[in-house]
C-alpha atoms as a PDB file:
ATOM      1  CA  UNK A   1     192.573 170.611  92.970  1.00  0.00           C
ATOM      2  CA  UNK A   2     189.850 168.492  91.479  1.00  0.00           C
ATOM      3  CA  UNK A   3     191.496 165.379  92.820  1.00  0.00           C
ATOM      4  CA  UNK A   4     191.626 166.856  96.278  1.00  0.00           C
ATOM      5  CA  UNK A   5     187.942 167.723  96.162  1.00  0.00           C
ATOM      6  CA  UNK A   6     187.066 164.265  94.935  1.00  0.00           C
ATOM      7  CA  UNK A   7     189.176 162.708  97.666  1.00  0.00           C
ATOM      8  CA  UNK A   8     187.527 164.924 100.245  1.00  0.00           C
ATOM      9  CA  UNK A   9     184.097 163.943  98.931  1.00  0.00           C
ATOM     10  CA  UNK A  10     184.986 160.284  99.067  1.00  0.00           C
ATOM     11  CA  UNK A  11     186.194 160.734 102.596  1.00  0.00           C
ATOM     12  CA  UNK A  12     182.968 162.485 103.431  1.00  0.00           C
ATOM     13  CA  UNK A  13     180.977 159.651 101.924  1.00  0.00           C
ATOM     14  CA  UNK A  14     183.048 157.166 103.873  1.00  0.00           C
ATOM     15  CA  UNK A  15     182.410 159.163 107.025  1.00  0.00           C
ATOM     16  CA  UNK A  16     178.713 159.205 106.315  1.00  0.00           C
ATOM     17  CA  UNK A  17     178.759 155.504 105.685  1.00  0.00           C
ATOM     18  CA  UNK A  18     180.663 154.883 108.854  1.00  0.00           C
ATOM     19  CA  UNK A  19     178.333 157.171 110.716  1.00  0.00           C
ATOM     20  CA  UNK A  20     175.317 155.343 109.405  1.00  0.00           C
ATOM     21  CA  UNK A  21     176.969 152.026 110.189  1.00  0.00           C
ATOM     22  CA  UNK A  22     177.676 153.170 113.725  1.00  0.00           C
ATOM     23  CA  UNK A  23     174.123 154.408 114.099  1.00  0.00           C
ATOM     24  CA  UNK A  24     172.856 150.998 113.023  1.00  0.00           C
ATOM     25  CA  UNK A  25     175.207 149.329 115.483  1.00  0.00           C
ATOM     26  CA  UNK A  26     174.037 151.687 118.206  1.00  0.00           C
ATOM     27  CA  UNK A  27     170.485 150.899 117.266  1.00  0.00           C
ATOM     28  CA  UNK A  28     171.182 147.163 117.349  1.00  0.00           C
ATOM     29  CA  UNK A  29     172.932 147.473 120.681  1.00  0.00           C
ATOM     30  CA  UNK A  30     169.996 149.464 122.031  1.00  0.00           C
ATOM     31  CA  UNK A  31     167.569 146.876 120.779  1.00  0.00           C
ATOM     32  CA  UNK A  32     169.690 144.165 122.325  1.00  0.00           C
ATOM     33  CA  UNK A  33     169.839 146.046 125.610  1.00  0.00           C
ATOM     34  CA  UNK A  34     166.103 146.502 125.564  1.00  0.00           C
ATOM     35  CA  UNK A  35     165.478 142.832 124.628  1.00  0.00           C
ATOM     36  CA  UNK A  36     167.727 141.292 127.316  1.00  0.00           C
ATOM     37  CA  UNK A  37     165.476 142.120 130.321  1.00  0.00           C
ATOM     38  CA  UNK A  38     162.544 140.706 128.440  1.00  0.00           C
ATOM     39  CA  UNK A  39     164.432 137.500 127.771  1.00  0.00           C
ATOM     40  CA  UNK A  40     165.553 137.292 131.376  1.00  0.00           C
ATOM     41  CA  UNK A  41     161.996 137.860 132.507  1.00  0.00           C
ATOM     42  CA  UNK A  42     160.762 135.156 130.172  1.00  0.00           C
ATOM     43  CA  UNK A  43     163.432 132.758 131.394  1.00  0.00           C
ATOM     44  CA  UNK A  44     162.492 133.502 135.013  1.00  0.00           C
ATOM     45  CA  UNK A  45     158.847 132.916 134.202  1.00  0.00           C
ATOM     46  CA  UNK A  46     159.652 129.650 132.456  1.00  0.00           C
ATOM     47  CA  UNK A  47     161.825 128.582 135.385  1.00  0.00           C
ATOM     48  CA  UNK A  48     159.078 129.421 137.853  1.00  0.00           C
ATOM     49  CA  UNK A  49     156.551 127.482 135.780  1.00  0.00           C
ATOM     50  CA  UNK A  50     158.917 124.528 135.734  1.00  0.00           C
ATOM     51  CA  UNK A  51     159.268 124.727 139.522  1.00  0.00           C
ATOM     52  CA  UNK A  52     155.508 124.854 139.907  1.00  0.00           C
ATOM     53  CA  UNK A  53     155.137 121.888 137.563  1.00  0.00           C
ATOM     54  CA  UNK A  54     157.744 119.975 139.546  1.00  0.00           C
ATOM     55  CA  UNK A  55     155.947 120.733 142.839  1.00  0.00           C
ATOM     56  CA  UNK A  56     152.646 119.553 141.391  1.00  0.00           C
ATOM     57  CA  UNK A  57     154.289 116.412 140.032  1.00  0.00           C
ATOM     58  CA  UNK A  58     155.964 115.838 143.399  1.00  0.00           C
ATOM     59  CA  UNK A  59     152.665 116.219 145.242  1.00  0.00           C
ATOM     60  CA  UNK A  60     150.938 113.876 142.850  1.00  0.00           C
ATOM     61  CA  UNK A  61     153.739 111.392 143.247  1.00  0.00           C
ATOM     62  CA  UNK A  62     153.618 111.747 147.049  1.00  0.00           C
ATOM     63  CA  UNK A  63     149.842 111.308 147.057  1.00  0.00           C
ATOM     64  CA  UNK A  64     150.141 108.285 144.828  1.00  0.00           C
ATOM     65  CA  UNK A  65     152.832 106.865 147.131  1.00  0.00           C
ATOM     66  CA  UNK A  66     150.644 107.435 150.208  1.00  0.00           C
ATOM     67  CA  UNK A  67     147.706 105.753 148.534  1.00  0.00           C
ATOM     68  CA  UNK A  68     149.906 102.877 147.490  1.00  0.00           C
ATOM     69  CA  UNK A  69     151.339 102.550 150.981  1.00  0.00           C
ATOM     70  CA  UNK A  70     147.826 102.624 152.493  1.00  0.00           C
ATOM     71  CA  UNK A  71     146.724  99.953 150.028  1.00  0.00           C
ATOM     72  CA  UNK A  72     149.716  97.774 150.869  1.00  0.00           C
ATOM     73  CA  UNK A  73     149.089  98.197 154.582  1.00  0.00           C
ATOM     74  CA  UNK A  74     145.441  97.250 154.128  1.00  0.00           C
ATOM     75  CA  UNK A  75     146.389  94.182 152.116  1.00  0.00           C
ATOM     76  CA  UNK A  76     148.986  93.195 154.729  1.00  0.00           C
ATOM     77  CA  UNK A  77     146.414  93.588 157.504  1.00  0.00           C
ATOM     78  CA  UNK A  78     143.910  91.411 155.653  1.00  0.00           C
ATOM     79  CA  UNK A  79     146.596  88.796 155.034  1.00  0.00           C
ATOM     80  CA  UNK A  80     147.630  88.903 158.693  1.00  0.00           C
ATOM     81  CA  UNK A  81     144.024  88.491 159.826  1.00  0.00           C
ATOM     82  CA  UNK A  82     143.502  85.545 157.502  1.00  0.00           C
ATOM     83  CA  UNK A  83     146.666  83.785 158.629  1.00  0.00           C
ATOM     84  CA  UNK A  84     145.929  84.453 162.316  1.00  0.00           C
ATOM     85  CA  UNK A  85     142.404  82.962 162.241  1.00  0.00           C
ATOM     86  CA  UNK A  86     143.544  79.332 162.827  1.00  0.00           C
ATOM     87  CA  UNK A  87     145.826  80.461 165.634  1.00  0.00           C
ATOM     88  CA  UNK A  88     143.040  82.444 167.282  1.00  0.00           C
ATOM     89  CA  UNK A  89     140.623  79.533 166.905  1.00  0.00           C
ATOM     90  CA  UNK A  90     143.123  77.200 168.542  1.00  0.00           C
ATOM     91  CA  UNK A  91     143.663  79.677 171.367  1.00  0.00           C
ATOM     92  CA  UNK A  92     139.901  80.078 171.805  1.00  0.00           C
ATOM     93  CA  UNK A  93     139.397  76.302 171.964  1.00  0.00           C
ATOM     94  CA  UNK A  94     142.165  76.004 174.536  1.00  0.00           C
ATOM     95  CA  UNK A  95     140.637  78.785 176.629  1.00  0.00           C
ATOM     96  CA  UNK A  96     137.205  77.179 176.346  1.00  0.00           C
ATOM     97  CA  UNK A  97     138.563  73.840 177.549  1.00  0.00           C
ATOM     98  CA  UNK A  98     140.236  75.594 180.472  1.00  0.00           C
ATOM     99  CA  UNK A  99     137.012  77.383 181.417  1.00  0.00           C
ATOM    100  CA  UNK A 100     135.005  74.172 181.152  1.00  0.00           C
ATOM    101  CA  UNK A 101     137.519  72.327 183.316  1.00  0.00           C
ATOM    102  CA  UNK A 102     137.300  75.086 185.922  1.00  0.00           C
ATOM    103  CA  UNK A 103     133.502  74.998 185.804  1.00  0.00           C
ATOM    104  CA  UNK A 104     133.518  71.210 186.135  1.00  0.00           C
ATOM    105  CA  UNK A 105     135.745  71.422 189.191  1.00  0.00           C
ATOM    106  CA  UNK A 106     133.115  73.632 190.799  1.00  0.00           C
ATOM    107  CA  UNK A 107     130.438  70.968 190.275  1.00  0.00           C
ATOM    108  CA  UNK A 108     130.076  68.163 192.801  1.00  0.00           C
ATOM    109  CA  UNK A 109     129.978  64.550 191.695  1.00  0.00           C
ATOM    110  CA  UNK A 110     127.084  62.276 192.674  1.00  0.00           C
ATOM    111  CA  UNK A 111     129.221  60.787 195.441  1.00  0.00           C
ATOM    112  CA  UNK A 112     130.054  64.238 196.790  1.00  0.00           C
ATOM    113  CA  UNK A 113     126.397  65.233 196.627  1.00  0.00           C
ATOM    114  CA  UNK A 114     125.540  62.255 198.826  1.00  0.00           C
ATOM    115  CA  UNK A 115     128.098  63.447 201.347  1.00  0.00           C
ATOM    116  CA  UNK A 116     126.652  66.977 201.312  1.00  0.00           C
ATOM    117  CA  UNK A 117     123.172  65.597 201.966  1.00  0.00           C
ATOM    118  CA  UNK A 118     124.418  63.440 204.856  1.00  0.00           C
ATOM    119  CA  UNK A 119     126.228  66.341 206.477  1.00  0.00           C
ATOM    120  CA  UNK A 120     123.149  68.525 206.169  1.00  0.00           C
ATOM    121  CA  UNK A 121     121.274  65.727 207.922  1.00  0.00           C
ATOM    122  CA  UNK A 122     123.905  65.727 210.682  1.00  0.00           C
ATOM    123  CA  UNK A 123     123.511  69.468 211.193  1.00  0.00           C
ATOM    124  CA  UNK A 124     119.710  69.283 211.098  1.00  0.00           C
ATOM    125  CA  UNK A 125     119.629  66.435 213.631  1.00  0.00           C
ATOM    126  CA  UNK A 126     121.940  67.972 216.218  1.00  0.00           C
ATOM    127  CA  UNK A 127     120.443  71.443 216.078  1.00  0.00           C
ATOM    128  CA  UNK A 128     117.024  69.808 216.463  1.00  0.00           C
ATOM    129  CA  UNK A 129     118.248  67.991 219.586  1.00  0.00           C
ATOM    130  CA  UNK A 130     119.742  71.263 220.846  1.00  0.00           C
ATOM    131  CA  UNK A 131     116.398  72.974 220.485  1.00  0.00           C
ATOM    132  CA  UNK A 132     114.597  70.053 222.119  1.00  0.00           C
ATOM    133  CA  UNK A 133     116.981  69.827 225.097  1.00  0.00           C
ATOM    134  CA  UNK A 134     117.332  73.582 225.633  1.00  0.00           C
ATOM    135  CA  UNK A 135     121.003  73.743 224.647  1.00  0.00           C
ATOM    136  CA  UNK A 136     122.192  77.027 223.090  1.00  0.00           C
ATOM    137  CA  UNK A 137     118.602  78.166 223.214  1.00  0.00           C
ATOM    138  CA  UNK A 138     119.494  81.614 221.865  1.00  0.00           C
ATOM    139  CA  UNK A 139     120.423  80.230 218.433  1.00  0.00           C
ATOM    140  CA  UNK A 140     119.275  76.602 218.381  1.00  0.00           C
ATOM    141  CA  UNK A 141     115.794  77.208 216.975  1.00  0.00           C
ATOM    142  CA  UNK A 142     117.021  79.323 214.061  1.00  0.00           C
ATOM    143  CA  UNK A 143     119.762  76.815 213.249  1.00  0.00           C
ATOM    144  CA  UNK A 144     117.289  73.965 213.434  1.00  0.00           C
ATOM    145  CA  UNK A 145     114.895  75.644 211.008  1.00  0.00           C
ATOM    146  CA  UNK A 146     117.673  76.505 208.583  1.00  0.00           C
ATOM    147  CA  UNK A 147     119.270  73.058 208.329  1.00  0.00           C
ATOM    148  CA  UNK A 148     115.984  71.187 208.566  1.00  0.00           C
ATOM    149  CA  UNK A 149     114.838  73.059 205.459  1.00  0.00           C
ATOM    150  CA  UNK A 150     117.520  71.083 203.586  1.00  0.00           C
ATOM    151  CA  UNK A 151     117.007  67.800 205.440  1.00  0.00           C
ATOM    152  CA  UNK A 152     113.489  67.517 206.883  1.00  0.00           C
ATOM    153  CA  UNK A 153     113.898  63.771 207.548  1.00  0.00           C
ATOM    154  CA  UNK A 154     117.498  63.627 208.670  1.00  0.00           C
ATOM    155  CA  UNK A 155     117.399  60.340 210.595  1.00  0.00           C
ATOM    156  CA  UNK A 156     115.524  58.491 207.849  1.00  0.00           C
ATOM    157  CA  UNK A 157     117.894  59.748 205.153  1.00  0.00           C
ATOM    158  CA  UNK A 158     121.052  58.702 207.021  1.00  0.00           C
ATOM    159  CA  UNK A 159     119.662  55.273 207.911  1.00  0.00           C
ATOM    160  CA  UNK A 160     118.726  54.813 204.247  1.00  0.00           C
ATOM    161  CA  UNK A 161     122.197  55.682 203.002  1.00  0.00           C
ATOM    162  CA  UNK A 162     123.668  53.474 205.726  1.00  0.00           C
ATOM    163  CA  UNK A 163     121.653  50.561 204.358  1.00  0.00           C
ATOM    164  CA  UNK A 164     122.983  51.295 200.867  1.00  0.00           C
ATOM    165  CA  UNK A 165     126.515  51.309 202.288  1.00  0.00           C
ATOM    166  CA  UNK A 166     125.923  47.896 203.849  1.00  0.00           C
ATOM    167  CA  UNK A 167     124.555  46.603 200.551  1.00  0.00           C
ATOM    168  CA  UNK A 168     127.416  48.130 198.570  1.00  0.00           C
ATOM    169  CA  UNK A 169     125.145  50.228 196.321  1.00  0.00           C
ATOM    170  CA  UNK A 170     126.387  53.750 197.068  1.00  0.00           C
ATOM    171  CA  UNK A 171     126.137  56.344 194.278  1.00  0.00           C
ATOM    172  CA  UNK A 172     123.964  54.027 192.205  1.00  0.00           C
ATOM    173  CA  UNK A 173     122.640  56.331 189.496  1.00  0.00           C
ATOM    174  CA  UNK A 174     119.867  53.882 188.679  1.00  0.00           C
ATOM    175  CA  UNK A 175     118.442  54.118 192.195  1.00  0.00           C
ATOM    176  CA  UNK A 176     116.397  57.310 192.050  1.00  0.00           C
ATOM    177  CA  UNK A 177     114.303  56.463 195.106  1.00  0.00           C
ATOM    178  CA  UNK A 178     117.163  56.940 197.544  1.00  0.00           C
ATOM    179  CA  UNK A 179     118.144  60.200 195.908  1.00  0.00           C
ATOM    180  CA  UNK A 180     114.598  61.533 196.184  1.00  0.00           C
ATOM    181  CA  UNK A 181     114.544  60.603 199.866  1.00  0.00           C
ATOM    182  CA  UNK A 182     117.748  62.486 200.478  1.00  0.00           C
ATOM    183  CA  UNK A 183     116.913  65.619 198.556  1.00  0.00           C
ATOM    184  CA  UNK A 184     113.247  65.965 199.483  1.00  0.00           C
ATOM    185  CA  UNK A 185     112.626  69.729 199.399  1.00  0.00           C
ATOM    186  CA  UNK A 186     115.666  70.850 197.415  1.00  0.00           C
ATOM    187  CA  UNK A 187     116.861  69.604 194.079  1.00  0.00           C
ATOM    188  CA  UNK A 188     120.539  68.818 194.717  1.00  0.00           C
ATOM    189  CA  UNK A 189     121.403  69.507 191.108  1.00  0.00           C
ATOM    190  CA  UNK A 190     120.513  73.158 191.717  1.00  0.00           C
ATOM    191  CA  UNK A 191     123.095  73.559 194.514  1.00  0.00           C
ATOM    192  CA  UNK A 192     125.491  70.806 193.595  1.00  0.00           C
ATOM    193  CA  UNK A 193     128.585  72.964 193.624  1.00  0.00           C
ATOM    194  CA  UNK A 194     131.656  73.410 195.794  1.00  0.00           C
ATOM    195  CA  UNK A 195     130.121  76.435 197.493  1.00  0.00           C
ATOM    196  CA  UNK A 196     127.437  74.148 198.939  1.00  0.00           C
ATOM    197  CA  UNK A 197     130.077  71.838 200.384  1.00  0.00           C
ATOM    198  CA  UNK A 198     131.931  74.800 201.899  1.00  0.00           C
ATOM    199  CA  UNK A 199     128.718  76.021 203.510  1.00  0.00           C
ATOM    200  CA  UNK A 200     128.153  72.605 205.072  1.00  0.00           C
ATOM    201  CA  UNK A 201     131.735  72.364 206.338  1.00  0.00           C
ATOM    202  CA  UNK A 202     131.391  75.816 207.883  1.00  0.00           C
ATOM    203  CA  UNK A 203     128.247  74.631 209.664  1.00  0.00           C
ATOM    204  CA  UNK A 204     130.038  71.547 211.013  1.00  0.00           C
ATOM    205  CA  UNK A 205     132.911  73.665 212.321  1.00  0.00           C
ATOM    206  CA  UNK A 206     130.478  75.935 214.098  1.00  0.00           C
ATOM    207  CA  UNK A 207     128.826  72.874 215.643  1.00  0.00           C
ATOM    208  CA  UNK A 208     132.211  71.623 216.865  1.00  0.00           C
ATOM    209  CA  UNK A 209     133.364  75.011 218.170  1.00  0.00           C
ATOM    210  CA  UNK A 210     130.201  75.324 220.269  1.00  0.00           C
ATOM    211  CA  UNK A 211     130.697  71.733 221.532  1.00  0.00           C
ATOM    212  CA  UNK A 212     127.088  71.001 220.653  1.00  0.00           C
ATOM    213  CA  UNK A 213     127.494  67.217 220.389  1.00  0.00           C
ATOM    214  CA  UNK A 214     129.289  66.962 223.735  1.00  0.00           C
ATOM    215  CA  UNK A 215     126.557  68.988 225.423  1.00  0.00           C
ATOM    216  CA  UNK A 216     123.851  66.792 223.870  1.00  0.00           C
ATOM    217  CA  UNK A 217     125.554  63.545 224.941  1.00  0.00           C
ATOM    218  CA  UNK A 218     125.993  64.839 228.480  1.00  0.00           C
ATOM    219  CA  UNK A 219     122.369  65.944 228.723  1.00  0.00           C
ATOM    220  CA  UNK A 220     121.070  62.636 227.333  1.00  0.00           C
ATOM    221  CA  UNK A 221     123.277  60.663 229.735  1.00  0.00           C
ATOM    222  CA  UNK A 222     122.007  62.675 232.700  1.00  0.00           C
ATOM    223  CA  UNK A 223     118.435  61.908 231.694  1.00  0.00           C
ATOM    224  CA  UNK A 224     118.908  58.143 231.508  1.00  0.00           C
ATOM    225  CA  UNK A 225     116.606  56.027 233.581  1.00  0.00           C
ATOM    226  CA  UNK A 226     117.819  53.145 235.689  1.00  0.00           C
ATOM    227  CA  UNK A 227     116.376  49.960 234.223  1.00  0.00           C
ATOM    228  CA  UNK A 228     115.054  47.644 236.898  1.00  0.00           C
ATOM    229  CA  UNK A 229     116.774  44.291 236.659  1.00  0.00           C
ATOM    230  CA  UNK A 230     116.124  41.192 238.733  1.00  0.00           C
ATOM    231  CA  UNK A 231     117.919  37.994 239.622  1.00  0.00           C
ATOM    232  CA  UNK A 232     119.635  36.258 236.734  1.00  0.00           C
ATOM    233  CA  UNK A 233     118.757  39.018 234.289  1.00  0.00           C
ATOM    234  CA  UNK A 234     121.287  41.319 235.992  1.00  0.00           C
ATOM    235  CA  UNK A 235     124.040  38.722 236.272  1.00  0.00           C
ATOM    236  CA  UNK A 236     127.059  39.321 234.061  1.00  0.00           C
ATOM    237  CA  UNK A 237     126.049  42.908 233.251  1.00  0.00           C
ATOM    238  CA  UNK A 238     128.038  45.958 234.204  1.00  0.00           C
ATOM    239  CA  UNK A 239     126.309  48.783 236.100  1.00  0.00           C
ATOM    240  CA  UNK A 240     126.292  50.900 232.945  1.00  0.00           C
ATOM    241  CA  UNK A 241     124.407  48.189 231.045  1.00  0.00           C
ATOM    242  CA  UNK A 242     121.645  48.282 233.615  1.00  0.00           C
ATOM    243  CA  UNK A 243     120.790  51.800 232.519  1.00  0.00           C
ATOM    244  CA  UNK A 244     118.044  52.102 229.940  1.00  0.00           C
ATOM    245  CA  UNK A 245     118.890  54.278 226.958  1.00  0.00           C
ATOM    246  CA  UNK A 246     116.349  56.840 225.911  1.00  0.00           C
ATOM    247  CA  UNK A 247     114.795  56.782 222.452  1.00  0.00           C
ATOM    248  CA  UNK A 248     116.934  59.758 221.471  1.00  0.00           C
ATOM    249  CA  UNK A 249     120.099  57.922 222.523  1.00  0.00           C
ATOM    250  CA  UNK A 250     119.163  54.755 220.649  1.00  0.00           C
ATOM    251  CA  UNK A 251     118.386  56.775 217.536  1.00  0.00           C
ATOM    252  CA  UNK A 252     121.675  58.605 217.930  1.00  0.00           C
ATOM    253  CA  UNK A 253     123.624  55.343 218.064  1.00  0.00           C
ATOM    254  CA  UNK A 254     121.892  54.001 214.938  1.00  0.00           C
ATOM    255  CA  UNK A 255     122.465  57.331 213.214  1.00  0.00           C
ATOM    256  CA  UNK A 256     126.194  57.210 213.932  1.00  0.00           C
ATOM    257  CA  UNK A 257     126.502  53.532 213.046  1.00  0.00           C
ATOM    258  CA  UNK A 258     125.010  54.279 209.618  1.00  0.00           C
ATOM    259  CA  UNK A 259     127.346  57.254 209.292  1.00  0.00           C
ATOM    260  CA  UNK A 260     130.434  55.144 210.060  1.00  0.00           C
ATOM    261  CA  UNK A 261     129.303  52.374 207.713  1.00  0.00           C
ATOM    262  CA  UNK A 262     128.883  54.920 204.922  1.00  0.00           C
ATOM    263  CA  UNK A 263     132.360  56.429 205.284  1.00  0.00           C
ATOM    264  CA  UNK A 264     134.176  53.107 205.654  1.00  0.00           C
ATOM    265  CA  UNK A 265     132.379  51.756 202.587  1.00  0.00           C
ATOM    266  CA  UNK A 266     133.608  54.738 200.573  1.00  0.00           C
ATOM    267  CA  UNK A 267     137.103  54.389 202.055  1.00  0.00           C
ATOM    268  CA  UNK A 268     137.211  50.777 200.903  1.00  0.00           C
ATOM    269  CA  UNK A 269     135.923  51.701 197.430  1.00  0.00           C
ATOM    270  CA  UNK A 270     138.700  54.286 197.051  1.00  0.00           C
ATOM    271  CA  UNK A 271     141.436  52.070 198.564  1.00  0.00           C
ATOM    272  CA  UNK A 272     141.934  54.413 201.509  1.00  0.00           C
ATOM    273  CA  UNK A 273     143.431  52.819 204.664  1.00  0.00           C
ATOM    274  CA  UNK A 274     143.404  49.505 202.804  1.00  0.00           C
ATOM    275  CA  UNK A 275     144.821  47.538 205.738  1.00  0.00           C
ATOM    276  CA  UNK A 276     141.858  48.298 208.003  1.00  0.00           C
ATOM    277  CA  UNK A 277     139.033  49.608 205.783  1.00  0.00           C
ATOM    278  CA  UNK A 278     137.355  46.258 205.124  1.00  0.00           C
ATOM    279  CA  UNK A 279     137.643  45.205 208.772  1.00  0.00           C
ATOM    280  CA  UNK A 280     136.047  48.440 209.990  1.00  0.00           C
ATOM    281  CA  UNK A 281     133.304  48.185 207.386  1.00  0.00           C
ATOM    282  CA  UNK A 282     132.385  44.652 208.429  1.00  0.00           C
ATOM    283  CA  UNK A 283     132.436  45.639 212.091  1.00  0.00           C
ATOM    284  CA  UNK A 284     129.898  48.434 211.625  1.00  0.00           C
ATOM    285  CA  UNK A 285     127.728  46.328 209.339  1.00  0.00           C
ATOM    286  CA  UNK A 286     127.455  43.708 212.083  1.00  0.00           C
ATOM    287  CA  UNK A 287     126.577  46.247 214.768  1.00  0.00           C
ATOM    288  CA  UNK A 288     123.197  46.910 213.214  1.00  0.00           C
ATOM    289  CA  UNK A 289     122.151  43.331 213.985  1.00  0.00           C
ATOM    290  CA  UNK A 290     122.501  43.795 217.735  1.00  0.00           C
ATOM    291  CA  UNK A 291     120.296  45.710 220.177  1.00  0.00           C
ATOM    292  CA  UNK A 292     121.680  49.075 221.207  1.00  0.00           C
ATOM    293  CA  UNK A 293     123.347  49.178 224.622  1.00  0.00           C
ATOM    294  CA  UNK A 294     125.286  51.791 226.571  1.00  0.00           C
ATOM    295  CA  UNK A 295     128.541  50.221 225.363  1.00  0.00           C
ATOM    296  CA  UNK A 296     127.457  51.052 221.812  1.00  0.00           C
ATOM    297  CA  UNK A 297     127.288  54.722 222.803  1.00  0.00           C
ATOM    298  CA  UNK A 298     130.971  54.588 223.700  1.00  0.00           C
ATOM    299  CA  UNK A 299     131.807  52.474 220.642  1.00  0.00           C
ATOM    300  CA  UNK A 300     130.358  54.883 218.090  1.00  0.00           C
ATOM    301  CA  UNK A 301     132.179  57.802 219.705  1.00  0.00           C
ATOM    302  CA  UNK A 302     135.438  55.889 219.406  1.00  0.00           C
ATOM    303  CA  UNK A 303     134.608  55.161 215.783  1.00  0.00           C
ATOM    304  CA  UNK A 304     133.972  58.823 215.009  1.00  0.00           C
ATOM    305  CA  UNK A 305     137.203  59.811 216.745  1.00  0.00           C
ATOM    306  CA  UNK A 306     139.149  57.281 214.656  1.00  0.00           C
ATOM    307  CA  UNK A 307     137.511  58.526 211.459  1.00  0.00           C
ATOM    308  CA  UNK A 308     138.611  62.056 212.296  1.00  0.00           C
ATOM    309  CA  UNK A 309     142.102  61.050 213.410  1.00  0.00           C
ATOM    310  CA  UNK A 310     142.765  59.185 210.147  1.00  0.00           C
ATOM    311  CA  UNK A 311     141.407  62.070 208.080  1.00  0.00           C
ATOM    312  CA  UNK A 312     139.113  59.752 206.129  1.00  0.00           C
ATOM    313  CA  UNK A 313     136.799  62.544 204.976  1.00  0.00           C
ATOM    314  CA  UNK A 314     139.707  64.629 203.664  1.00  0.00           C
ATOM    315  CA  UNK A 315     141.174  61.635 201.833  1.00  0.00           C
ATOM    316  CA  UNK A 316     137.803  60.909 200.251  1.00  0.00           C
ATOM    317  CA  UNK A 317     137.461  64.508 199.089  1.00  0.00           C
ATOM    318  CA  UNK A 318     140.918  64.367 197.471  1.00  0.00           C
ATOM    319  CA  UNK A 319     140.093  61.053 195.805  1.00  0.00           C
ATOM    320  CA  UNK A 320     136.820  62.270 194.288  1.00  0.00           C
ATOM    321  CA  UNK A 321     138.422  65.523 193.105  1.00  0.00           C
ATOM    322  CA  UNK A 322     141.235  63.605 191.371  1.00  0.00           C
ATOM    323  CA  UNK A 323     138.760  61.236 189.762  1.00  0.00           C
ATOM    324  CA  UNK A 324     136.732  64.157 188.451  1.00  0.00           C
ATOM    325  CA  UNK A 325     139.847  65.903 187.099  1.00  0.00           C
ATOM    326  CA  UNK A 326     140.807  62.687 185.302  1.00  0.00           C
ATOM    327  CA  UNK A 327     137.345  62.442 183.755  1.00  0.00           C
ATOM    328  CA  UNK A 328     137.637  66.061 182.571  1.00  0.00           C
ATOM    329  CA  UNK A 329     141.009  65.364 180.942  1.00  0.00           C
ATOM    330  CA  UNK A 330     139.666  62.296 179.173  1.00  0.00           C
ATOM    331  CA  UNK A 331     136.616  64.156 177.887  1.00  0.00           C
ATOM    332  CA  UNK A 332     138.713  67.118 176.713  1.00  0.00           C
ATOM    333  CA  UNK A 333     141.385  65.091 174.935  1.00  0.00           C
ATOM    334  CA  UNK A 334     139.346  62.111 173.817  1.00  0.00           C
ATOM    335  CA  UNK A 335     138.827  63.644 170.353  1.00  0.00           C
ATOM    336  CA  UNK A 336     140.758  66.052 168.128  1.00  0.00           C
ATOM    337  CA  UNK A 337     138.328  68.834 168.924  1.00  0.00           C
ATOM    338  CA  UNK A 338     138.389  68.195 172.663  1.00  0.00           C
ATOM    339  CA  UNK A 339     135.362  69.725 174.323  1.00  0.00           C
ATOM    340  CA  UNK A 340     134.559  71.986 171.391  1.00  0.00           C
ATOM    341  CA  UNK A 341     131.172  70.384 170.918  1.00  0.00           C
END
C-alpha cells in the first residue's frame, strides 16, 4: 500500500513537473509569438532605411555624374573653341580679301575716271547746244544744267585730254594740272565708282535715243553761210567746201577729233585692234594740223561710227577691269597675310 502511495506521489510530482515544463514552454512560445511581429517590424524599418539610404546615394551619385558631365562638356567646348580659332581667323581673312576685292572692283581706275570725265563733257556739250539751238526745248535746259555742273568747261577739257593723247601722256599720275582741269567743281575721287560710270552711260543712251546729235548736226548744217569765193580761190574746190562752217561746227569737229585721238591712243596702249590702232591714231593726230573744212565734218562722223562698230569703248572697259582684277590678286597674294594689313 505504501509503495502504491509513493508511486502515486511520484507520478503526481512528475505530472507537476511536466505541467510546469509545459507552462514554461507555453510561456516561451507566447513570448516568441509576441516577439516575432516586433522583429518583423524592425526588419521592415531597417529595410526601408536601407532603401532610403540607397535612394540618397543614388541621387548623390546622379548629381555628381551630372556635374561631371557638365564639367566635361564645358572643357570640351573650351577645347573646341581654342582649336577652331585658327580656322575662324583664316576664314575671316579669306572673307576680308573677298570683300576688299569686291570693293576694289567698284572703284574706277585713273584711266576709267578720265573716260567718265570725257563722257560728262560730251553730255554737257551736246545738251548745251540743244538748249542754244532750241532742240528738245522741254528738257534741254535742265539737262544742260545737270551735266554742266560736272563739266563746266567741256570743250576745254576734251581738247586738253586730246593733246595728252597726242603726246602719249594719258593717265599720267604726276600731271595734276590736267586732272584739276577735268574735275573742276567735283572731286572725282568722291564719285570714282562704277555707279558713276553707269550714270554716264545711261545719259549717253538717252542722248542717242532722242537723236540729239543728229538734230544738232542738221540744224548747224542748215545755218551754214555760203562763203563768197572768187576766181582762182574757188578752183579745185567742191561746192560743199565753199560753205563756211560756223564757230559751233568748227568747235564740234575739233572736239570730236580730240575724242577720237583719245580713244585710239588707249586702244593702242591696250593692244586693241592692233592692225589698225596705230594708223588711226596717227591719222587723227595729223588732222589737228589742218584747218577745219566741211569734209572734216563728214570724216569725224565716219570715225565715230567706226569706233562704235568695232566696240572700242567696250574692249577698253574689259581691258581696264581685267588689269584692275590682276592688281587686286597680286596685292592679296603678294604676302602670306594677303590684304590683312
